[in-house]
Amino acid sequence: MDKITFLNINDFKVLKIIRIEDNSKWNYFAGYLYYVRKLTKKYKAENTDYIDDMILTSIKKVYPDSRLVVNKDIMFENQLDDILKSFSGKNDINFKISFIPNVPYDKMFEINDKEIYAYTFEFNFNRISLWTDKEKLKYINNHLQAEIPFDKIEDFNFQIRNIEFKK
């Protein structure tokens, strides 16, 4: 029997792993993008939110065959590392998503004097595709864009602090 040890309750997390796949014949590639969210009473693996939806939607717009493959609460020591070992690969692509506020024209006057921000984050991405043509790597669309809904802009600024992107 192996003893398992709980993490400190403040260190509980939710691991999200998305399999990104481009099935084009010329430049096929696949890999796993992952990020970690803070586990709270409101946010658990089974309770995804609009930020998770924005990330997956922005990826699926460019790579429609992509899908969420891991959505797991992390509560034990070494659990995160053990899961990530199963999804290892080459880390030779810098994968970024920019989060841009979506401000409808009729709302522009409401935010005229307010500061709003765009955020760009780099994600961990482990490429698992077999081809090794380094020349083709530079043609991969690795900088995507997600739109922050207007009614979520303030909440987004707060919630984004609870996400761990690239280590």
N, C-alpha and C. Protein backbone atom coordinates (compact mmCIF):
# COMPACT_ATOMS: atom_id res chain seq x y z
N MET A 1 0.84 -1.19 0.00
CA MET A 1 0.00 0.00 0.00
C MET A 1 0.88 1.25 0.00
N ASP A 2 0.46 2.24 -0.75
CA ASP A 2 1.16 3.52 -0.79
C ASP A 2 0.32 4.55 -0.05
N LYS A 3 0.98 5.30 0.79
CA LYS A 3 0.31 6.37 1.52
C LYS A 3 0.18 7.58 0.62
N ILE A 4 -1.01 8.18 0.60
CA ILE A 4 -1.18 9.43 -0.14
C ILE A 4 -1.36 10.56 0.86
N THR A 5 -0.88 11.73 0.48
CA THR A 5 -0.91 12.87 1.37
C THR A 5 -1.71 14.00 0.72
N PHE A 6 -2.66 14.53 1.47
CA PHE A 6 -3.43 15.67 0.98
C PHE A 6 -2.54 16.89 0.90
N LEU A 7 -2.78 17.70 -0.11
CA LEU A 7 -2.16 19.02 -0.18
C LEU A 7 -2.81 19.91 0.87
N ASN A 8 -2.18 21.00 1.18
CA ASN A 8 -2.83 22.03 2.00
C ASN A 8 -4.07 22.48 1.24
N ILE A 9 -5.15 22.72 1.93
CA ILE A 9 -6.42 23.07 1.28
C ILE A 9 -6.27 24.28 0.36
N ASN A 10 -5.38 25.20 0.67
CA ASN A 10 -5.15 26.38 -0.18
C ASN A 10 -4.40 26.03 -1.47
N ASP A 11 -3.87 24.82 -1.55
CA ASP A 11 -3.13 24.39 -2.74
C ASP A 11 -3.94 23.45 -3.63
N PHE A 12 -5.22 23.21 -3.30
CA PHE A 12 -6.08 22.40 -4.16
C PHE A 12 -6.24 23.11 -5.50
N LYS A 13 -6.25 22.32 -6.59
CA LYS A 13 -6.31 22.88 -7.93
C LYS A 13 -7.23 22.07 -8.82
N VAL A 14 -7.50 22.61 -9.99
CA VAL A 14 -8.22 21.91 -11.05
C VAL A 14 -7.33 21.93 -12.28
N LEU A 15 -7.03 20.75 -12.80
CA LEU A 15 -6.20 20.63 -13.99
C LEU A 15 -7.09 20.51 -15.22
N LYS A 16 -6.79 21.32 -16.23
CA LYS A 16 -7.48 21.27 -17.52
C LYS A 16 -6.45 20.93 -18.58
N ILE A 17 -6.70 19.89 -19.35
CA ILE A 17 -5.83 19.54 -20.47
C ILE A 17 -6.70 19.46 -21.73
N ILE A 18 -6.29 20.20 -22.75
CA ILE A 18 -7.00 20.22 -24.02
C ILE A 18 -6.10 19.60 -25.09
N ARG A 19 -6.64 18.64 -25.81
CA ARG A 19 -5.90 18.07 -26.94
C ARG A 19 -6.18 18.94 -28.15
N ILE A 20 -5.12 19.54 -28.68
CA ILE A 20 -5.23 20.37 -29.87
C ILE A 20 -4.75 19.53 -31.05
N GLU A 21 -5.56 19.55 -32.10
CA GLU A 21 -5.23 18.72 -33.25
C GLU A 21 -5.57 19.46 -34.53
N ASP A 22 -4.59 19.53 -35.42
CA ASP A 22 -4.80 20.08 -36.75
C ASP A 22 -4.67 18.92 -37.72
N ASN A 23 -5.78 18.56 -38.35
CA ASN A 23 -5.80 17.39 -39.22
C ASN A 23 -5.51 17.70 -40.69
N SER A 24 -4.96 18.90 -40.95
CA SER A 24 -4.63 19.20 -42.34
C SER A 24 -3.53 18.25 -42.81
N LYS A 25 -3.59 17.87 -44.05
CA LYS A 25 -2.63 16.90 -44.58
C LYS A 25 -1.23 17.50 -44.72
N TRP A 26 -1.16 18.81 -44.97
CA TRP A 26 0.14 19.43 -45.19
C TRP A 26 0.89 19.67 -43.88
N ASN A 27 0.17 20.05 -42.84
CA ASN A 27 0.85 20.46 -41.62
C ASN A 27 0.21 19.85 -40.38
N TYR A 28 -0.06 18.56 -40.42
CA TYR A 28 -0.68 17.90 -39.27
C TYR A 28 0.18 18.07 -38.02
N PHE A 29 -0.47 18.42 -36.93
CA PHE A 29 0.20 18.38 -35.63
C PHE A 29 -0.85 18.13 -34.56
N ALA A 30 -0.38 17.64 -33.43
CA ALA A 30 -1.26 17.41 -32.29
C ALA A 30 -0.43 17.62 -31.03
N GLY A 31 -1.12 17.97 -29.97
CA GLY A 31 -0.44 18.15 -28.70
C GLY A 31 -1.43 18.47 -27.60
N TYR A 32 -0.89 18.66 -26.42
CA TYR A 32 -1.72 18.91 -25.24
C TYR A 32 -1.37 20.25 -24.64
N LEU A 33 -2.38 21.09 -24.51
CA LEU A 33 -2.26 22.38 -23.85
C LEU A 33 -2.87 22.22 -22.47
N TYR A 34 -2.21 22.73 -21.46
CA TYR A 34 -2.80 22.61 -20.13
C TYR A 34 -2.62 23.87 -19.30
N TYR A 35 -3.52 24.01 -18.35
CA TYR A 35 -3.47 25.10 -17.37
C TYR A 35 -4.11 24.61 -16.09
N VAL A 36 -3.88 25.34 -15.02
CA VAL A 36 -4.33 24.93 -13.70
C VAL A 36 -5.13 26.07 -13.08
N ARG A 37 -6.28 25.73 -12.53
CA ARG A 37 -7.13 26.71 -11.84
C ARG A 37 -7.13 26.42 -10.35
N LYS A 38 -7.39 27.42 -9.56
CA LYS A 38 -7.50 27.24 -8.12
C LYS A 38 -8.85 26.59 -7.81
N LEU A 39 -8.83 25.52 -7.01
CA LEU A 39 -10.05 24.84 -6.60
C LEU A 39 -10.65 25.61 -5.43
N THR A 40 -11.91 25.97 -5.55
CA THR A 40 -12.62 26.69 -4.48
C THR A 40 -13.97 26.01 -4.26
N LYS A 41 -14.71 26.50 -3.29
CA LYS A 41 -16.05 25.94 -3.06
C LYS A 41 -16.94 26.15 -4.28
N LYS A 42 -16.76 27.27 -4.99
CA LYS A 42 -17.56 27.55 -6.17
C LYS A 42 -16.99 26.92 -7.43
N TYR A 43 -15.67 26.81 -7.51
CA TYR A 43 -15.05 26.32 -8.74
C TYR A 43 -14.42 24.96 -8.51
N LYS A 44 -15.03 23.95 -9.13
CA LYS A 44 -14.53 22.57 -9.09
C LYS A 44 -14.51 22.08 -10.53
N ALA A 45 -13.92 20.94 -10.75
CA ALA A 45 -13.81 20.42 -12.12
C ALA A 45 -15.18 20.31 -12.80
N GLU A 46 -16.18 19.91 -12.05
CA GLU A 46 -17.50 19.74 -12.69
C GLU A 46 -18.22 21.07 -12.91
N ASN A 47 -17.68 22.17 -12.38
CA ASN A 47 -18.31 23.49 -12.53
C ASN A 47 -17.45 24.40 -13.39
N THR A 48 -17.28 24.09 -14.66
CA THR A 48 -16.48 24.97 -15.52
C THR A 48 -17.17 26.32 -15.65
N ASP A 49 -16.42 27.33 -16.02
CA ASP A 49 -16.99 28.67 -16.14
C ASP A 49 -16.72 29.26 -17.52
N TYR A 50 -17.08 30.52 -17.68
CA TYR A 50 -16.97 31.16 -18.98
C TYR A 50 -15.51 31.30 -19.43
N ILE A 51 -14.56 31.36 -18.51
CA ILE A 51 -13.15 31.45 -18.91
C ILE A 51 -12.72 30.14 -19.57
N ASP A 52 -13.08 29.02 -18.96
CA ASP A 52 -12.79 27.72 -19.58
C ASP A 52 -13.44 27.63 -20.96
N ASP A 53 -14.67 28.10 -21.05
CA ASP A 53 -15.38 28.07 -22.33
C ASP A 53 -14.69 28.96 -23.37
N MET A 54 -14.21 30.14 -22.93
CA MET A 54 -13.52 31.04 -23.86
C MET A 54 -12.25 30.40 -24.39
N ILE A 55 -11.50 29.74 -23.52
CA ILE A 55 -10.25 29.11 -23.93
C ILE A 55 -10.53 28.01 -24.95
N LEU A 56 -11.45 27.11 -24.62
CA LEU A 56 -11.75 26.00 -25.53
C LEU A 56 -12.37 26.51 -26.84
N THR A 57 -13.26 27.48 -26.77
CA THR A 57 -13.89 28.02 -27.97
C THR A 57 -12.87 28.67 -28.89
N SER A 58 -11.94 29.44 -28.31
CA SER A 58 -10.93 30.10 -29.16
C SER A 58 -10.05 29.07 -29.86
N ILE A 59 -9.77 27.97 -29.20
CA ILE A 59 -8.96 26.90 -29.81
C ILE A 59 -9.76 26.20 -30.90
N LYS A 60 -11.03 25.88 -30.61
CA LYS A 60 -11.85 25.15 -31.57
C LYS A 60 -12.16 25.97 -32.83
N LYS A 61 -12.12 27.30 -32.73
CA LYS A 61 -12.33 28.14 -33.92
C LYS A 61 -11.24 27.87 -34.96
N VAL A 62 -10.04 27.65 -34.49
CA VAL A 62 -8.91 27.42 -35.40
C VAL A 62 -8.67 25.93 -35.61
N TYR A 63 -8.84 25.15 -34.55
CA TYR A 63 -8.59 23.70 -34.60
C TYR A 63 -9.85 22.97 -34.12
N PRO A 64 -10.84 22.80 -35.02
CA PRO A 64 -12.15 22.27 -34.63
C PRO A 64 -12.14 20.86 -34.05
N ASP A 65 -11.09 20.08 -34.30
CA ASP A 65 -11.04 18.72 -33.76
C ASP A 65 -10.50 18.67 -32.33
N SER A 66 -10.21 19.82 -31.75
CA SER A 66 -9.67 19.87 -30.39
C SER A 66 -10.76 19.57 -29.38
N ARG A 67 -10.33 19.08 -28.21
CA ARG A 67 -11.32 18.73 -27.17
C ARG A 67 -10.66 18.70 -25.80
N LEU A 68 -11.48 18.90 -24.79
CA LEU A 68 -11.03 18.79 -23.40
C LEU A 68 -10.88 17.32 -23.08
N VAL A 69 -9.69 16.90 -22.61
CA VAL A 69 -9.47 15.49 -22.31
C VAL A 69 -9.26 15.22 -20.82
N VAL A 70 -8.87 16.24 -20.07
CA VAL A 70 -8.73 16.08 -18.62
C VAL A 70 -9.34 17.30 -17.95
N ASN A 71 -10.16 17.03 -16.96
CA ASN A 71 -10.81 18.07 -16.16
C ASN A 71 -10.89 17.49 -14.75
N LYS A 72 -9.83 17.69 -13.96
CA LYS A 72 -9.68 16.91 -12.73
C LYS A 72 -9.28 17.78 -11.55
N ASP A 73 -9.94 17.52 -10.42
CA ASP A 73 -9.53 18.15 -9.16
C ASP A 73 -8.22 17.53 -8.70
N ILE A 74 -7.29 18.37 -8.27
CA ILE A 74 -5.98 17.94 -7.77
C ILE A 74 -5.93 18.25 -6.28
N MET A 75 -5.90 17.19 -5.46
CA MET A 75 -5.93 17.37 -4.01
C MET A 75 -4.81 16.64 -3.27
N PHE A 76 -4.00 15.86 -4.00
CA PHE A 76 -2.96 15.05 -3.35
C PHE A 76 -1.58 15.45 -3.85
N GLU A 77 -0.59 15.25 -3.01
CA GLU A 77 0.79 15.51 -3.41
C GLU A 77 1.15 14.62 -4.59
N ASN A 78 1.90 15.16 -5.51
CA ASN A 78 2.39 14.48 -6.72
C ASN A 78 1.31 14.11 -7.74
N GLN A 79 0.06 14.35 -7.45
CA GLN A 79 -1.02 14.00 -8.37
C GLN A 79 -0.89 14.77 -9.69
N LEU A 80 -0.62 16.05 -9.62
CA LEU A 80 -0.49 16.87 -10.82
C LEU A 80 0.65 16.36 -11.70
N ASP A 81 1.81 16.18 -11.12
CA ASP A 81 2.96 15.70 -11.89
C ASP A 81 2.71 14.31 -12.49
N ASP A 82 2.07 13.44 -11.73
CA ASP A 82 1.79 12.09 -12.23
C ASP A 82 0.87 12.13 -13.45
N ILE A 83 -0.13 12.98 -13.42
CA ILE A 83 -1.05 13.09 -14.57
C ILE A 83 -0.32 13.69 -15.76
N LEU A 84 0.46 14.75 -15.53
CA LEU A 84 1.14 15.42 -16.63
C LEU A 84 2.17 14.53 -17.33
N LYS A 85 2.73 13.57 -16.61
CA LYS A 85 3.68 12.64 -17.24
C LYS A 85 3.02 11.87 -18.38
N SER A 86 1.73 11.61 -18.26
CA SER A 86 1.01 10.88 -19.30
C SER A 86 0.80 11.71 -20.56
N PHE A 87 0.99 13.02 -20.45
CA PHE A 87 0.72 13.93 -21.57
C PHE A 87 1.97 14.68 -22.00
N SER A 88 3.12 14.06 -21.81
CA SER A 88 4.36 14.74 -22.15
C SER A 88 4.61 14.68 -23.65
N GLY A 89 5.46 15.54 -24.11
CA GLY A 89 5.84 15.61 -25.52
C GLY A 89 6.87 16.70 -25.68
N LYS A 90 7.13 17.09 -26.93
CA LYS A 90 8.09 18.15 -27.19
C LYS A 90 7.46 19.50 -26.85
N ASN A 91 8.23 20.32 -26.17
CA ASN A 91 7.76 21.66 -25.82
C ASN A 91 8.46 22.64 -26.75
N ASP A 92 8.18 22.53 -28.08
CA ASP A 92 8.88 23.35 -29.05
C ASP A 92 7.97 24.37 -29.75
N ILE A 93 6.76 24.55 -29.23
CA ILE A 93 5.85 25.55 -29.77
C ILE A 93 5.40 26.44 -28.61
N ASN A 94 5.52 27.74 -28.78
CA ASN A 94 5.00 28.68 -27.79
C ASN A 94 3.55 28.96 -28.15
N PHE A 95 2.63 28.53 -27.31
CA PHE A 95 1.21 28.66 -27.59
C PHE A 95 0.63 29.76 -26.72
N LYS A 96 0.00 30.77 -27.35
CA LYS A 96 -0.53 31.93 -26.62
C LYS A 96 -1.99 32.15 -26.97
N ILE A 97 -2.71 32.70 -25.99
CA ILE A 97 -4.07 33.16 -26.23
C ILE A 97 -4.16 34.58 -25.68
N SER A 98 -4.67 35.49 -26.51
CA SER A 98 -4.93 36.86 -26.07
C SER A 98 -6.41 36.98 -25.75
N PHE A 99 -6.69 37.54 -24.59
CA PHE A 99 -8.07 37.76 -24.15
C PHE A 99 -8.36 39.24 -24.35
N ILE A 100 -9.31 39.53 -25.23
CA ILE A 100 -9.62 40.89 -25.64
C ILE A 100 -11.06 41.20 -25.25
N PRO A 101 -11.31 42.34 -24.56
CA PRO A 101 -12.69 42.69 -24.21
C PRO A 101 -13.53 42.91 -25.47
N ASN A 102 -14.73 42.38 -25.45
CA ASN A 102 -15.68 42.58 -26.54
C ASN A 102 -16.62 43.71 -26.12
N VAL A 103 -16.43 44.88 -26.72
CA VAL A 103 -17.23 46.05 -26.34
C VAL A 103 -18.16 46.38 -27.50
N PRO A 104 -19.46 46.12 -27.32
CA PRO A 104 -20.41 46.46 -28.38
C PRO A 104 -20.47 47.99 -28.56
N TYR A 105 -20.79 48.39 -29.75
CA TYR A 105 -20.81 49.82 -30.07
C TYR A 105 -21.70 50.60 -29.10
N ASP A 106 -22.87 50.06 -28.76
CA ASP A 106 -23.80 50.80 -27.90
C ASP A 106 -23.31 50.90 -26.45
N LYS A 107 -22.24 50.21 -26.10
CA LYS A 107 -21.68 50.27 -24.74
C LYS A 107 -20.39 51.10 -24.67
N MET A 108 -19.93 51.61 -25.79
CA MET A 108 -18.66 52.33 -25.81
C MET A 108 -18.66 53.54 -24.89
N PHE A 109 -19.78 54.23 -24.79
CA PHE A 109 -19.83 55.43 -23.95
C PHE A 109 -19.77 55.08 -22.47
N GLU A 110 -20.20 53.87 -22.10
CA GLU A 110 -20.14 53.44 -20.71
C GLU A 110 -18.71 53.23 -20.23
N ILE A 111 -17.83 52.91 -21.13
CA ILE A 111 -16.45 52.62 -20.73
C ILE A 111 -15.47 53.69 -21.18
N ASN A 112 -15.99 54.80 -21.67
CA ASN A 112 -15.15 55.85 -22.24
C ASN A 112 -14.02 56.28 -21.31
N ASP A 113 -14.28 56.47 -20.03
CA ASP A 113 -13.25 56.95 -19.10
C ASP A 113 -12.65 55.85 -18.24
N LYS A 114 -13.01 54.61 -18.51
CA LYS A 114 -12.52 53.50 -17.70
C LYS A 114 -11.31 52.85 -18.36
N GLU A 115 -10.46 52.25 -17.53
CA GLU A 115 -9.34 51.49 -18.06
C GLU A 115 -9.80 50.06 -18.31
N ILE A 116 -9.51 49.58 -19.49
CA ILE A 116 -9.77 48.17 -19.79
C ILE A 116 -8.47 47.58 -20.32
N TYR A 117 -8.34 46.27 -20.17
CA TYR A 117 -7.08 45.63 -20.49
C TYR A 117 -7.30 44.44 -21.41
N ALA A 118 -6.29 44.16 -22.19
CA ALA A 118 -6.19 42.91 -22.94
C ALA A 118 -5.08 42.11 -22.26
N TYR A 119 -5.25 40.82 -22.21
CA TYR A 119 -4.28 39.95 -21.57
C TYR A 119 -3.79 38.92 -22.58
N THR A 120 -2.49 38.66 -22.58
CA THR A 120 -1.94 37.59 -23.39
C THR A 120 -1.18 36.66 -22.47
N PHE A 121 -1.53 35.37 -22.54
CA PHE A 121 -0.88 34.37 -21.70
C PHE A 121 -0.31 33.27 -22.56
N GLU A 122 0.85 32.78 -22.14
CA GLU A 122 1.48 31.65 -22.80
C GLU A 122 1.10 30.40 -22.03
N PHE A 123 0.74 29.36 -22.76
CA PHE A 123 0.32 28.10 -22.16
C PHE A 123 1.41 27.06 -22.31
N ASN A 124 1.39 26.08 -21.44
CA ASN A 124 2.21 24.90 -21.62
C ASN A 124 1.61 24.11 -22.77
N PHE A 125 2.45 23.72 -23.72
CA PHE A 125 1.97 22.95 -24.86
C PHE A 125 3.00 21.87 -25.17
N ASN A 126 2.57 20.63 -25.11
CA ASN A 126 3.44 19.50 -25.39
C ASN A 126 3.00 18.86 -26.70
N ARG A 127 3.82 19.05 -27.73
CA ARG A 127 3.51 18.52 -29.06
C ARG A 127 3.82 17.02 -29.10
N ILE A 128 2.85 16.25 -29.62
CA ILE A 128 3.02 14.80 -29.68
C ILE A 128 3.06 14.29 -31.11
N SER A 129 2.87 15.18 -32.08
CA SER A 129 2.89 14.71 -33.47
C SER A 129 4.28 14.19 -33.82
N LEU A 130 4.31 13.27 -34.75
CA LEU A 130 5.54 12.54 -35.04
C LEU A 130 6.47 13.25 -36.02
N TRP A 131 5.93 14.07 -36.91
CA TRP A 131 6.83 14.68 -37.89
C TRP A 131 7.78 15.63 -37.21
N THR A 132 8.92 15.79 -37.82
CA THR A 132 9.97 16.60 -37.20
C THR A 132 10.44 17.72 -38.11
N ASP A 133 9.65 18.07 -39.11
CA ASP A 133 10.03 19.14 -40.03
C ASP A 133 9.93 20.48 -39.31
N LYS A 134 11.07 20.97 -38.83
CA LYS A 134 11.11 22.22 -38.06
C LYS A 134 10.61 23.40 -38.89
N GLU A 135 10.79 23.32 -40.20
CA GLU A 135 10.34 24.41 -41.07
C GLU A 135 8.83 24.60 -40.99
N LYS A 136 8.08 23.51 -40.89
CA LYS A 136 6.62 23.58 -40.83
C LYS A 136 6.13 24.11 -39.48
N LEU A 137 6.91 23.97 -38.44
CA LEU A 137 6.48 24.44 -37.12
C LEU A 137 6.15 25.93 -37.12
N LYS A 138 6.89 26.70 -37.91
CA LYS A 138 6.66 28.15 -37.89
C LYS A 138 5.35 28.55 -38.58
N TYR A 139 4.69 27.62 -39.27
CA TYR A 139 3.42 27.92 -39.92
C TYR A 139 2.21 27.54 -39.07
N ILE A 140 2.46 27.03 -37.90
CA ILE A 140 1.35 26.68 -37.01
C ILE A 140 0.78 27.95 -36.40
N ASN A 141 -0.53 28.07 -36.43
CA ASN A 141 -1.18 29.22 -35.80
C ASN A 141 -1.16 28.99 -34.29
N ASN A 142 -0.24 29.63 -33.61
CA ASN A 142 -0.05 29.38 -32.19
C ASN A 142 -0.37 30.60 -31.33
N HIS A 143 -1.03 31.58 -31.90
CA HIS A 143 -1.46 32.74 -31.12
C HIS A 143 -2.92 33.01 -31.45
N LEU A 144 -3.78 32.60 -30.53
CA LEU A 144 -5.22 32.68 -30.75
C LEU A 144 -5.80 33.85 -29.96
N GLN A 145 -7.07 34.12 -30.23
CA GLN A 145 -7.73 35.24 -29.57
C GLN A 145 -9.07 34.79 -29.00
N ALA A 146 -9.33 35.23 -27.76
CA ALA A 146 -10.61 34.95 -27.11
C ALA A 146 -11.24 36.28 -26.73
N GLU A 147 -12.55 36.37 -26.91
CA GLU A 147 -13.24 37.61 -26.58
C GLU A 147 -13.88 37.51 -25.20
N ILE A 148 -13.60 38.51 -24.37
CA ILE A 148 -14.22 38.59 -23.04
C ILE A 148 -15.58 39.24 -23.22
N PRO A 149 -16.67 38.55 -22.84
CA PRO A 149 -17.99 39.17 -22.96
C PRO A 149 -18.06 40.47 -22.16
N PHE A 150 -18.76 41.45 -22.69
CA PHE A 150 -18.82 42.77 -22.06
C PHE A 150 -19.27 42.70 -20.60
N ASP A 151 -20.27 41.89 -20.33
CA ASP A 151 -20.80 41.81 -18.97
C ASP A 151 -19.88 41.03 -18.02
N LYS A 152 -18.79 40.47 -18.53
CA LYS A 152 -17.86 39.69 -17.70
C LYS A 152 -16.50 40.37 -17.54
N ILE A 153 -16.31 41.55 -18.10
CA ILE A 153 -14.99 42.19 -18.10
C ILE A 153 -14.46 42.37 -16.68
N GLU A 154 -15.25 42.94 -15.78
CA GLU A 154 -14.76 43.16 -14.41
C GLU A 154 -14.49 41.84 -13.69
N ASP A 155 -15.37 40.88 -13.82
CA ASP A 155 -15.19 39.58 -13.19
C ASP A 155 -13.96 38.88 -13.77
N PHE A 156 -13.75 39.00 -15.07
CA PHE A 156 -12.59 38.38 -15.71
C PHE A 156 -11.29 38.90 -15.08
N ASN A 157 -11.21 40.19 -14.88
CA ASN A 157 -10.01 40.78 -14.28
C ASN A 157 -9.70 40.17 -12.92
N PHE A 158 -10.71 39.79 -12.19
CA PHE A 158 -10.53 39.15 -10.89
C PHE A 158 -10.22 37.66 -11.03
N GLN A 159 -11.00 36.96 -11.84
CA GLN A 159 -10.88 35.50 -11.97
C GLN A 159 -9.58 35.05 -12.62
N ILE A 160 -9.04 35.85 -13.52
CA ILE A 160 -7.85 35.44 -14.25
C ILE A 160 -6.66 35.25 -13.31
N ARG A 161 -6.71 35.87 -12.15
CA ARG A 161 -5.63 35.75 -11.15
C ARG A 161 -5.58 34.35 -10.54
N ASN A 162 -6.63 33.58 -10.67
CA ASN A 162 -6.69 32.24 -10.09
C ASN A 162 -6.28 31.15 -11.07
N ILE A 163 -5.67 31.55 -12.18
CA ILE A 163 -5.26 30.58 -13.20
C ILE A 163 -3.74 30.59 -13.31
N GLU A 164 -3.17 29.40 -13.33
CA GLU A 164 -1.73 29.25 -13.56
C GLU A 164 -1.53 28.84 -15.01
N PHE A 165 -0.84 29.68 -15.74
CA PHE A 165 -0.53 29.36 -17.13
C PHE A 165 0.85 28.74 -17.16
N LYS A 166 1.64 29.07 -18.14
CA LYS A 166 2.94 28.42 -18.29
C LYS A 166 3.83 28.66 -17.06
N LYS A 167 4.45 27.57 -16.60
CA LYS A 167 5.32 27.65 -15.43
C LYS A 167 6.65 28.26 -15.82
